[in-house]
PDB file of N, CA and C in Angstrom:
ATOM      1  N   UNK A   1       0.823  -1.126   0.187  1.00  0.00           N
ATOM      2  CA  UNK A   1      -0.050   0.212  -0.241  1.00  0.00           C
ATOM      3  C   UNK A   1       0.770   1.161  -0.171  1.00  0.00           C
ATOM      4  N   UNK A   2       0.535   2.265  -0.934  1.00  0.00           N
ATOM      5  CA  UNK A   2       1.193   3.598  -1.172  1.00  0.00           C
ATOM      6  C   UNK A   2       1.518   4.614   0.351  1.00  0.00           C
ATOM      7  N   UNK A   3       2.380   4.706   0.629  1.00  0.00           N
ATOM      8  CA  UNK A   3       2.125   5.676   1.916  1.00  0.00           C
ATOM      9  C   UNK A   3       1.506   7.007   1.384  1.00  0.00           C
ATOM     10  N   UNK A   4       0.399   7.789   2.297  1.00  0.00           N
ATOM     11  CA  UNK A   4      -0.008   8.753   1.632  1.00  0.00           C
ATOM     12  C   UNK A   4       1.442  10.308   2.371  1.00  0.00           C
ATOM     13  N   UNK A   5       0.965  10.879   1.260  1.00  0.00           N
ATOM     14  CA  UNK A   5       1.938  12.101   1.287  1.00  0.00           C
ATOM     15  C   UNK A   5       1.119  13.068   2.601  1.00  0.00           C
ATOM     16  N   UNK A   6       2.753  13.663   2.849  1.00  0.00           N
ATOM     17  CA  UNK A   6       2.685  14.700   4.280  1.00  0.00           C
ATOM     18  C   UNK A   6       2.907  16.049   3.380  1.00  0.00           C
ATOM     19  N   UNK A   7       1.892  17.036   3.963  1.00  0.00           N
ATOM     20  CA  UNK A   7       2.212  18.504   3.822  1.00  0.00           C
ATOM     21  C   UNK A   7       2.728  19.240   5.335  1.00  0.00           C
ATOM     22  N   UNK A   8       3.969  20.024   5.130  1.00  0.00           N
ATOM     23  CA  UNK A   8       4.435  20.670   6.100  1.00  0.00           C
ATOM     24  C   UNK A   8       3.967  22.188   5.925  1.00  0.00           C
ATOM     25  N   UNK A   9       2.953  22.797   6.778  1.00  0.00           N
ATOM     26  CA  UNK A   9       2.340  23.789   6.531  1.00  0.00           C
ATOM     27  C   UNK A   9       3.145  24.774   7.483  1.00  0.00           C
ATOM     28  N   UNK A  10       3.460  26.069   7.234  1.00  0.00           N
ATOM     29  CA  UNK A  10       4.182  27.126   7.723  1.00  0.00           C
ATOM     30  C   UNK A  10       3.015  28.609   7.945  1.00  0.00           C
ATOM     31  N   UNK A  11       2.976  29.149   8.804  1.00  0.00           N
ATOM     32  CA  UNK A  11       2.127  30.185   8.586  1.00  0.00           C
ATOM     33  C   UNK A  11       3.352  31.584   8.725  1.00  0.00           C
ATOM     34  N   UNK A  12       3.555  32.136   7.636  1.00  0.00           N
ATOM     35  CA  UNK A  12       4.431  33.334   7.159  1.00  0.00           C
ATOM     36  C   UNK A  12       3.824  34.665   7.447  1.00  0.00           C
ATOM     37  N   UNK A  13       2.791  34.767   7.093  1.00  0.00           N
ATOM     38  CA  UNK A  13       1.957  36.356   7.637  1.00  0.00           C
ATOM     39  C   UNK A  13       0.969  36.180   8.660  1.00  0.00           C
ATOM     40  N   UNK A  14       0.862  37.095   9.566  1.00  0.00           N
ATOM     41  CA  UNK A  14      -0.138  37.284  10.241  1.00  0.00           C
ATOM     42  C   UNK A  14      -1.729  37.282   9.731  1.00  0.00           C
ATOM     43  N   UNK A  15      -2.591  36.907  10.593  1.00  0.00           N
ATOM     44  CA  UNK A  15      -4.294  36.809  10.202  1.00  0.00           C
ATOM     45  C   UNK A  15      -4.974  38.176  10.561  1.00  0.00           C
ATOM     46  N   UNK A  16      -4.297  39.143  11.310  1.00  0.00           N
ATOM     47  CA  UNK A  16      -4.741  40.178  11.791  1.00  0.00           C
ATOM     48  C   UNK A  16      -4.764  40.895  10.448  1.00  0.00           C
ATOM     49  N   UNK A  17      -5.810  41.565   9.976  1.00  0.00           N
ATOM     50  CA  UNK A  17      -6.445  42.373   9.371  1.00  0.00           C
ATOM     51  C   UNK A  17      -6.981  42.195   8.262  1.00  0.00           C
ATOM     52  N   UNK A  18      -7.009  40.550   8.132  1.00  0.00           N
ATOM     53  CA  UNK A  18      -8.008  39.628   7.206  1.00  0.00           C
ATOM     54  C   UNK A  18      -9.454  39.555   7.789  1.00  0.00           C
ATOM     55  N   UNK A  19     -10.173  38.744   6.479  1.00  0.00           N
ATOM     56  CA  UNK A  19     -11.621  38.390   7.018  1.00  0.00           C
ATOM     57  C   UNK A  19     -11.422  37.712   7.961  1.00  0.00           C
ATOM     58  N   UNK A  20     -12.719  37.255   9.014  1.00  0.00           N
ATOM     59  CA  UNK A  20     -12.858  36.171  10.148  1.00  0.00           C
ATOM     60  C   UNK A  20     -12.598  34.855   9.399  1.00  0.00           C
ATOM     61  N   UNK A  21     -13.164  34.717   7.937  1.00  0.00           N
ATOM     62  CA  UNK A  21     -12.700  33.419   7.231  1.00  0.00           C
ATOM     63  C   UNK A  21     -11.336  32.718   7.293  1.00  0.00           C
ATOM     64  N   UNK A  22     -10.337  34.109   7.175  1.00  0.00           N
ATOM     65  CA  UNK A  22      -9.057  33.550   7.078  1.00  0.00           C
ATOM     66  C   UNK A  22      -8.645  32.980   8.308  1.00  0.00           C
ATOM     67  N   UNK A  23      -8.739  33.689   9.345  1.00  0.00           N
ATOM     68  CA  UNK A  23      -8.742  33.455  10.983  1.00  0.00           C
ATOM     69  C   UNK A  23      -9.239  32.377  11.397  1.00  0.00           C
ATOM     70  N   UNK A  24     -10.087  32.233  10.990  1.00  0.00           N
ATOM     71  CA  UNK A  24     -10.712  30.883  11.405  1.00  0.00           C
ATOM     72  C   UNK A  24     -10.117  29.599  10.226  1.00  0.00           C
ATOM     73  N   UNK A  25      -9.559  29.651   9.055  1.00  0.00           N
ATOM     74  CA  UNK A  25      -9.001  28.365   8.656  1.00  0.00           C
ATOM     75  C   UNK A  25      -7.657  28.333   8.771  1.00  0.00           C
ATOM     76  N   UNK A  26      -7.094  29.430   9.664  1.00  0.00           N
ATOM     77  CA  UNK A  26      -5.610  29.633  10.080  1.00  0.00           C
ATOM     78  C   UNK A  26      -5.959  28.613  11.244  1.00  0.00           C
ATOM     79  N   UNK A  27      -6.916  28.591  12.121  1.00  0.00           N
ATOM     80  CA  UNK A  27      -7.501  27.998  13.408  1.00  0.00           C
ATOM     81  C   UNK A  27      -7.534  26.313  13.215  1.00  0.00           C
ATOM     82  N   UNK A  28      -8.317  26.368  12.185  1.00  0.00           N
ATOM     83  CA  UNK A  28      -8.686  24.878  11.839  1.00  0.00           C
ATOM     84  C   UNK A  28      -7.512  24.133  11.494  1.00  0.00           C
ATOM     85  N   UNK A  29      -6.591  24.435  11.124  1.00  0.00           N
ATOM     86  CA  UNK A  29      -5.266  24.020  10.451  1.00  0.00           C
ATOM     87  C   UNK A  29      -4.236  23.845  11.431  1.00  0.00           C
ATOM     88  N   UNK A  30      -4.417  24.266  12.602  1.00  0.00           N
ATOM     89  CA  UNK A  30      -3.792  24.280  13.720  1.00  0.00           C
ATOM     90  C   UNK A  30      -2.828  25.114  14.064  1.00  0.00           C
ATOM     91  N   UNK A  31      -2.807  26.260  13.430  1.00  0.00           N
ATOM     92  CA  UNK A  31      -1.857  27.179  13.169  1.00  0.00           C
ATOM     93  C   UNK A  31      -2.334  28.722  14.146  1.00  0.00           C
ATOM     94  N   UNK A  32      -1.226  28.835  14.985  1.00  0.00           N
ATOM     95  CA  UNK A  32      -1.643  29.885  15.903  1.00  0.00           C
ATOM     96  C   UNK A  32      -0.514  31.037  16.285  1.00  0.00           C
ATOM     97  N   UNK A  33       0.641  30.775  15.687  1.00  0.00           N
ATOM     98  CA  UNK A  33       1.684  32.206  16.085  1.00  0.00           C
ATOM     99  C   UNK A  33       2.511  32.242  14.483  1.00  0.00           C
ATOM    100  N   UNK A  34       3.045  33.073  14.112  1.00  0.00           N
ATOM    101  CA  UNK A  34       3.830  33.332  13.074  1.00  0.00           C
ATOM    102  C   UNK A  34       4.821  32.168  13.444  1.00  0.00           C
ATOM    103  N   UNK A  35       5.558  31.955  11.846  1.00  0.00           N
ATOM    104  CA  UNK A  35       6.398  30.873  12.086  1.00  0.00           C
ATOM    105  C   UNK A  35       6.081  29.633  12.284  1.00  0.00           C
ATOM    106  N   UNK A  36       5.013  29.286  12.981  1.00  0.00           N
ATOM    107  CA  UNK A  36       4.736  27.875  13.757  1.00  0.00           C
ATOM    108  C   UNK A  36       4.460  26.765  12.281  1.00  0.00           C
ATOM    109  N   UNK A  37       4.833  25.680  12.410  1.00  0.00           N
ATOM    110  CA  UNK A  37       4.556  24.509  11.663  1.00  0.00           C
ATOM    111  C   UNK A  37       4.048  23.977  12.088  1.00  0.00           C
ATOM    112  N   UNK A  38       3.049  22.844  11.136  1.00  0.00           N
ATOM    113  CA  UNK A  38       2.283  21.874  11.433  1.00  0.00           C
ATOM    114  C   UNK A  38       2.372  20.883   9.901  1.00  0.00           C
ATOM    115  N   UNK A  39       2.007  19.721  10.340  1.00  0.00           N
ATOM    116  CA  UNK A  39       2.245  18.605   9.438  1.00  0.00           C
ATOM    117  C   UNK A  39       0.808  17.926   9.117  1.00  0.00           C
ATOM    118  N   UNK A  40      -0.015  17.996   8.094  1.00  0.00           N
ATOM    119  CA  UNK A  40      -1.081  17.297   7.709  1.00  0.00           C
ATOM    120  C   UNK A  40      -0.738  16.345   6.654  1.00  0.00           C
ATOM    121  N   UNK A  41      -1.765  15.610   6.815  1.00  0.00           N
ATOM    122  CA  UNK A  41      -1.944  14.419   5.204  1.00  0.00           C
ATOM    123  C   UNK A  41      -2.366  15.152   4.343  1.00  0.00           C
ATOM    124  N   UNK A  42      -1.882  14.742   2.990  1.00  0.00           N
ATOM    125  CA  UNK A  42      -2.562  15.477   1.629  1.00  0.00           C
ATOM    126  C   UNK A  42      -3.735  15.109   1.380  1.00  0.00           C
ATOM    127  N   UNK A  43      -4.889  15.588   1.762  1.00  0.00           N
ATOM    128  CA  UNK A  43      -6.361  15.224   1.549  1.00  0.00           C
ATOM    129  C   UNK A  43      -6.862  16.471   0.520  1.00  0.00           C
ATOM    130  N   UNK A  44      -8.241  16.434   0.175  1.00  0.00           N
ATOM    131  CA  UNK A  44      -8.657  17.280  -0.605  1.00  0.00           C
ATOM    132  C   UNK A  44      -9.268  18.563   0.540  1.00  0.00           C
ATOM    133  N   UNK A  45      -9.827  18.083   1.546  1.00  0.00           N
ATOM    134  CA  UNK A  45      -9.917  19.360   2.866  1.00  0.00           C
ATOM    135  C   UNK A  45      -8.811  20.070   3.047  1.00  0.00           C
ATOM    136  N   UNK A  46      -7.641  19.426   3.304  1.00  0.00           N
ATOM    137  CA  UNK A  46      -6.593  20.202   3.624  1.00  0.00           C
ATOM    138  C   UNK A  46      -6.028  20.983   2.507  1.00  0.00           C
ATOM    139  N   UNK A  47      -6.157  20.526   1.387  1.00  0.00           N
ATOM    140  CA  UNK A  47      -5.909  21.222   0.372  1.00  0.00           C
ATOM    141  C   UNK A  47      -6.497  22.446  -0.198  1.00  0.00           C
ATOM    142  N   UNK A  48      -7.870  22.057   0.247  1.00  0.00           N
ATOM    143  CA  UNK A  48      -9.552  23.463  -0.069  1.00  0.00           C
ATOM    144  C   UNK A  48      -8.655  24.440   1.171  1.00  0.00           C
ATOM    145  N   UNK A  49      -8.185  24.306   2.258  1.00  0.00           N
ATOM    146  CA  UNK A  49      -8.232  25.297   3.537  1.00  0.00           C
ATOM    147  C   UNK A  49      -6.906  25.954   3.005  1.00  0.00           C
ATOM    148  N   UNK A  50      -6.078  25.079   2.297  1.00  0.00           N
ATOM    149  CA  UNK A  50      -4.801  26.102   2.007  1.00  0.00           C
ATOM    150  C   UNK A  50      -4.994  27.065   0.539  1.00  0.00           C
ATOM    151  N   UNK A  51      -6.272  26.419  -0.208  1.00  0.00           N
ATOM    152  CA  UNK A  51      -6.353  27.480  -0.876  1.00  0.00           C
ATOM    153  C   UNK A  51      -7.159  28.751  -0.718  1.00  0.00           C
ATOM    154  N   UNK A  52      -7.881  28.647   0.635  1.00  0.00           N
ATOM    155  CA  UNK A  52      -8.418  29.763   0.570  1.00  0.00           C
ATOM    156  C   UNK A  52      -7.339  30.842   1.350  1.00  0.00           C
ATOM    157  N   UNK A  53      -6.324  30.512   2.031  1.00  0.00           N
ATOM    158  CA  UNK A  53      -5.301  31.626   2.276  1.00  0.00           C
ATOM    159  C   UNK A  53      -4.070  30.995   2.098  1.00  0.00           C
ATOM    160  N   UNK A  54      -3.679  31.131   0.846  1.00  0.00           N
ATOM    161  CA  UNK A  54      -2.217  30.813   0.016  1.00  0.00           C
ATOM    162  C   UNK A  54      -1.110  31.851   0.531  1.00  0.00           C
ATOM    163  N   UNK A  55      -1.941  32.972   0.784  1.00  0.00           N
ATOM    164  CA  UNK A  55      -0.988  34.503   0.958  1.00  0.00           C
ATOM    165  C   UNK A  55      -0.687  34.511   2.215  1.00  0.00           C
ATOM    166  N   UNK A  56      -1.022  33.763   3.200  1.00  0.00           N
ATOM    167  CA  UNK A  56      -0.523  33.587   4.786  1.00  0.00           C
ATOM    168  C   UNK A  56       0.364  31.981   4.814  1.00  0.00           C
ATOM    169  N   UNK A  57       0.199  31.065   3.680  1.00  0.00           N
ATOM    170  CA  UNK A  57       1.053  30.181   4.258  1.00  0.00           C
ATOM    171  C   UNK A  57       2.131  29.671   3.484  1.00  0.00           C
ATOM    172  N   UNK A  58       3.146  29.021   3.846  1.00  0.00           N
ATOM    173  CA  UNK A  58       4.424  28.247   3.185  1.00  0.00           C
ATOM    174  C   UNK A  58       3.808  26.724   3.242  1.00  0.00           C
ATOM    175  N   UNK A  59       3.859  26.367   1.945  1.00  0.00           N
ATOM    176  CA  UNK A  59       3.449  24.426   1.916  1.00  0.00           C
ATOM    177  C   UNK A  59       4.796  24.126   1.159  1.00  0.00           C
ATOM    178  N   UNK A  60       4.851  22.563   1.998  1.00  0.00           N
ATOM    179  CA  UNK A  60       6.408  21.691   1.451  1.00  0.00           C
ATOM    180  C   UNK A  60       5.568  20.824   1.345  1.00  0.00           C
ATOM    181  N   UNK A  61       5.976  19.539   0.576  1.00  0.00           N
ATOM    182  CA  UNK A  61       5.555  18.255   0.439  1.00  0.00           C
ATOM    183  C   UNK A  61       6.751  17.456   1.126  1.00  0.00           C
ATOM    184  N   UNK A  62       6.401  16.617   2.020  1.00  0.00           N
ATOM    185  CA  UNK A  62       7.364  15.936   2.675  1.00  0.00           C
ATOM    186  C   UNK A  62       7.414  14.528   2.589  1.00  0.00           C
TER     187      UNK A  62
END
């Protein structure tokens, strides 16, 4: 069975000054601070959240 890909997501900008939807998406991804990094499996749900706020994030495939 193939291993699922992992995404390393880093917050590069603050959510201050952006709509509530952007802040809620950051919180749903588990990001609370600048330069904080989390890892999630590469699923359509996570990709959708990333597509909502690409200007606040840096994404790397692991």
